[in-house]
Amino acid sequence: MALTDYQLLTLKSIKEYDFIKNISRMTGKCHDALIGEWVNWWLGQKKVDCRICNPARGSKIGSNRCTADLLFLERFYDESYFEVKGVAEVENNEKKILEKIKSLSSYEKHKKGERTAYPDLMFTVLCYTINIPNDEIIEKIYNNVVHISKNSNLLWIVCEIGKSLEEEARHNIHIPNFVRGSDLFFYYRNFASINFYFIRNGNKIGDIFTPGVTI
């Protein structure tokens, strides 16, 4: 199934936003910082009125409650209410990434009584950091997104941020008195790569997109 006009515009907006400018200067886990970068992307769009819900309102998988990191909201024309257009999870624990895919998928089908709770949902964002190289888990994540998207009408936006141990990628940060007993504070991994891929109905849309490299 082809992308909707709204999903096409969302994909275009992702490609136009300069994610690499700030993310490439982040060190550490940066969970909240990465959430902030997605907030900046959404609120910076040329739309009448966009809002953010952080943390997201909940969803459910069976009896288990899910709470994503962000809901992307947009005002419905000139009305007083907002539609939920997207949901996002930012994860830096490799062991929880597959769990987050299931959590995101629950938002599309979640109901309140007889009504779908998020009827205007158009896209999901899975943003995760991972130690590279690690082709095995990267392929497992990709296959899980493909599988779960087969029964979904959403645009799945996957942002993979690679943390490298390459010598040139190391940061030795000198912060006097920051750590008791030492004036050296080391983060040996920093964000060395940012790749996007997009999936709908089990099909990848286009090639892998690398901000600052892919045109």
Protein backbone atom coordinates (compact mmCIF):
# COMPACT_ATOMS: atom_id res chain seq x y z
CA MET A 1 0.00 0.00 0.00
CA ALA A 2 1.32 3.44 -0.92
CA LEU A 3 2.04 6.13 1.63
CA THR A 4 -0.67 8.65 2.39
CA ASP A 5 -0.01 12.30 1.53
CA TYR A 6 0.50 13.00 5.23
CA GLN A 7 3.05 10.21 5.55
CA LEU A 8 4.90 11.43 2.47
CA LEU A 9 5.16 14.90 4.01
CA THR A 10 6.39 13.40 7.29
CA LEU A 11 9.06 11.40 5.50
CA LYS A 12 10.14 14.50 3.57
CA SER A 13 10.34 16.49 6.81
CA ILE A 14 12.56 13.83 8.42
CA LYS A 15 14.97 13.99 5.50
CA GLU A 16 15.11 17.78 5.56
CA TYR A 17 15.80 18.13 9.29
CA ASP A 18 19.49 18.31 10.22
CA PHE A 19 19.58 15.54 12.83
CA ILE A 20 23.32 15.06 12.50
CA LYS A 21 24.15 18.64 13.52
CA ASN A 22 23.36 18.10 17.20
CA ILE A 23 23.35 14.33 17.59
CA SER A 24 26.95 14.05 16.38
CA ARG A 25 27.98 16.28 19.30
CA MET A 26 26.28 14.19 21.98
CA THR A 27 28.17 11.87 24.33
CA GLY A 28 26.87 9.34 26.84
CA LYS A 29 23.42 7.78 26.93
CA CYS A 30 21.63 11.02 26.00
CA HIS A 31 18.13 9.58 26.34
CA ASP A 32 16.55 12.91 27.24
CA ALA A 33 18.75 14.80 24.78
CA LEU A 34 17.60 12.56 21.92
CA ILE A 35 13.99 13.02 22.95
CA GLY A 36 14.66 16.76 22.82
CA GLU A 37 15.95 16.45 19.26
CA TRP A 38 12.70 14.79 18.17
CA VAL A 39 10.76 17.53 19.95
CA ASN A 40 12.76 20.13 18.00
CA TRP A 41 11.99 18.35 14.73
CA TRP A 42 8.27 18.24 15.36
CA LEU A 43 7.81 21.76 16.74
CA GLY A 44 9.99 23.23 13.99
CA GLN A 45 7.68 22.13 11.19
CA LYS A 46 5.70 24.67 9.22
CA LYS A 47 2.32 23.72 10.54
CA VAL A 48 -0.37 25.78 12.18
CA ASP A 49 -0.03 24.35 15.66
CA CYS A 50 2.00 21.34 16.74
CA ARG A 51 2.27 20.12 20.30
CA ILE A 52 4.20 17.46 22.20
CA CYS A 53 3.00 15.12 24.93
CA ASN A 54 5.91 13.87 27.08
CA PRO A 55 5.69 11.21 28.36
CA ALA A 56 3.04 9.85 26.05
CA ARG A 57 -0.41 8.85 27.19
CA GLY A 58 -0.56 5.11 27.59
CA SER A 59 -1.54 2.10 25.55
CA LYS A 60 -1.85 -1.60 26.35
CA ILE A 61 -0.64 -5.00 25.20
CA GLY A 62 -3.15 -7.34 26.81
CA SER A 63 -3.10 -6.39 30.48
CA ASN A 64 0.35 -4.77 30.28
CA ARG A 65 0.41 -1.00 30.14
CA CYS A 66 2.78 0.74 27.69
CA THR A 67 3.98 4.32 27.95
CA ALA A 68 5.97 5.68 25.04
CA ASP A 69 8.29 8.68 25.27
CA LEU A 70 6.45 11.09 22.99
CA LEU A 71 3.17 11.76 21.30
CA PHE A 72 3.23 14.14 18.33
CA LEU A 73 0.07 16.24 18.29
CA GLU A 74 -1.38 18.58 15.69
CA ARG A 75 -4.33 20.94 16.05
CA PHE A 76 -7.37 19.88 14.07
CA TYR A 77 -7.93 22.88 11.78
CA ASP A 78 -9.20 25.75 13.96
CA GLU A 79 -10.83 23.55 16.53
CA SER A 80 -9.93 23.43 20.22
CA TYR A 81 -8.62 19.87 20.18
CA PHE A 82 -5.52 18.09 18.90
CA GLU A 83 -5.07 14.89 16.92
CA VAL A 84 -2.37 12.40 17.84
CA LYS A 85 -0.38 11.94 14.63
CA GLY A 86 2.66 10.04 15.84
CA VAL A 87 4.25 8.17 18.73
CA ALA A 88 7.94 7.73 19.55
CA GLU A 89 10.21 5.55 21.64
CA VAL A 90 13.85 6.43 22.33
CA GLU A 91 15.84 3.48 23.67
CA ASN A 92 19.53 3.06 24.54
CA ASN A 93 19.29 -0.37 26.16
CA GLU A 94 19.85 -2.98 23.45
CA LYS A 95 17.95 -5.61 25.43
CA LYS A 96 14.75 -3.52 25.37
CA ILE A 97 14.60 -2.49 21.71
CA LEU A 98 12.46 -5.41 20.52
CA GLU A 99 10.10 -4.80 23.44
CA LYS A 100 9.73 -1.16 22.33
CA ILE A 101 8.69 -2.25 18.83
CA LYS A 102 5.76 -4.13 20.37
CA SER A 103 4.96 -1.16 22.59
CA LEU A 104 4.81 1.19 19.60
CA SER A 105 2.59 -1.18 17.63
CA SER A 106 0.04 -1.29 20.46
CA TYR A 107 -0.88 2.37 19.97
CA GLU A 108 -2.47 1.75 16.58
CA LYS A 109 -4.93 -0.88 17.88
CA HIS A 110 -5.48 0.42 21.43
CA LYS A 111 -9.11 1.04 22.32
CA LYS A 112 -10.97 2.96 24.98
CA GLY A 113 -14.24 1.12 25.28
CA GLU A 114 -15.47 0.55 21.73
CA ARG A 115 -13.46 3.39 20.22
CA THR A 116 -9.91 3.39 18.89
CA ALA A 117 -7.91 5.57 21.29
CA TYR A 118 -5.63 7.07 18.62
CA PRO A 119 -7.67 7.04 15.38
CA ASP A 120 -5.56 9.71 13.64
CA LEU A 121 -2.20 8.03 14.19
CA MET A 122 -0.05 8.17 11.04
CA PHE A 123 3.50 7.25 12.04
CA THR A 124 5.74 5.74 14.69
CA VAL A 125 9.35 6.60 15.51
CA LEU A 126 11.74 4.00 16.88
CA CYS A 127 15.01 5.74 17.75
CA TYR A 128 17.68 3.58 19.33
CA THR A 129 21.39 3.65 20.08
CA ILE A 130 23.51 0.56 19.62
CA ASN A 131 27.16 -0.40 19.95
CA ILE A 132 28.56 -1.02 16.48
CA PRO A 133 29.44 -3.15 14.68
CA ASN A 134 26.61 -5.48 15.66
CA ASP A 135 24.99 -6.77 12.47
CA GLU A 136 23.14 -9.60 14.22
CA ILE A 137 20.96 -7.43 16.46
CA ILE A 138 20.54 -4.76 13.75
CA GLU A 139 19.12 -7.41 11.41
CA LYS A 140 16.88 -8.75 14.18
CA ILE A 141 15.46 -5.27 14.81
CA TYR A 142 14.86 -4.74 11.10
CA ASN A 143 13.10 -8.10 10.70
CA ASN A 144 10.91 -7.39 13.74
CA VAL A 145 9.82 -4.02 12.37
CA VAL A 146 9.08 -5.55 8.96
CA HIS A 147 7.06 -8.35 10.55
CA ILE A 148 4.99 -6.18 12.88
CA SER A 149 4.37 -3.52 10.19
CA LYS A 150 2.69 -6.06 7.89
CA ASN A 151 -0.51 -5.63 9.91
CA SER A 152 -0.06 -1.88 10.31
CA ASN A 153 -1.04 1.10 8.19
CA LEU A 154 1.47 3.36 9.92
CA LEU A 155 4.71 4.72 8.50
CA TRP A 156 7.47 3.16 10.61
CA ILE A 157 10.43 5.54 11.00
CA VAL A 158 13.50 3.81 12.38
CA CYS A 159 16.49 5.90 13.47
CA GLU A 160 19.56 3.84 14.28
CA ILE A 161 22.35 5.69 16.10
CA GLY A 162 25.61 3.79 16.21
CA LYS A 163 28.05 4.16 19.12
CA SER A 164 31.61 3.42 18.11
CA LEU A 165 34.83 2.45 19.90
CA GLU A 166 36.98 3.55 17.00
CA GLU A 167 40.02 5.52 18.14
CA GLU A 168 39.04 8.67 16.28
CA ALA A 169 35.55 8.49 17.75
CA ARG A 170 36.65 8.60 21.38
CA HIS A 171 35.97 11.58 23.59
CA ASN A 172 38.28 12.28 26.53
CA ILE A 173 36.42 15.01 28.36
CA HIS A 174 38.31 16.98 30.98
CA ILE A 175 35.88 18.13 33.68
CA PRO A 176 37.72 19.25 36.84
CA ASN A 177 36.20 17.97 40.09
CA PHE A 178 33.33 16.26 38.24
CA VAL A 179 34.23 12.79 39.48
CA ARG A 180 35.37 12.42 43.08
CA GLY A 181 39.05 11.52 43.28
CA SER A 182 39.73 12.27 39.65
CA ASP A 183 39.57 15.24 37.32
CA LEU A 184 39.23 13.09 34.20
CA PHE A 185 35.82 11.95 33.01
CA PHE A 186 35.80 9.53 30.08
CA TYR A 187 33.06 8.48 27.70
CA TYR A 188 34.67 5.90 25.46
CA ARG A 189 31.76 5.63 23.07
CA ASN A 190 30.23 8.47 21.14
CA PHE A 191 27.64 8.65 18.40
CA ALA A 192 29.49 7.76 15.23
CA SER A 193 26.66 7.12 12.75
CA ILE A 194 23.01 8.00 12.17
CA ASN A 195 20.90 5.99 9.73
CA PHE A 196 17.20 6.05 8.94
CA TYR A 197 15.01 3.53 7.21
CA PHE A 198 11.29 3.67 6.57
CA ILE A 199 8.80 0.79 6.40
CA ARG A 200 5.08 0.46 5.70
CA ASN A 201 3.02 -2.69 5.34
CA GLY A 202 6.13 -4.84 5.62
CA ASN A 203 7.92 -3.05 2.78
CA LYS A 204 10.99 -0.84 3.01
CA ILE A 205 10.53 2.56 1.39
CA GLY A 206 13.60 3.67 -0.50
CA ASP A 207 17.16 3.08 0.64
CA ILE A 208 18.79 3.69 4.01
CA PHE A 209 18.98 7.44 4.58
CA THR A 210 22.06 8.91 6.26
CA PRO A 211 21.70 12.58 7.28
CA GLY A 212 24.51 14.73 5.94
CA VAL A 213 25.52 12.05 3.45
CA THR A 214 22.44 10.97 1.53
CA ILE A 215 20.94 13.66 -0.66
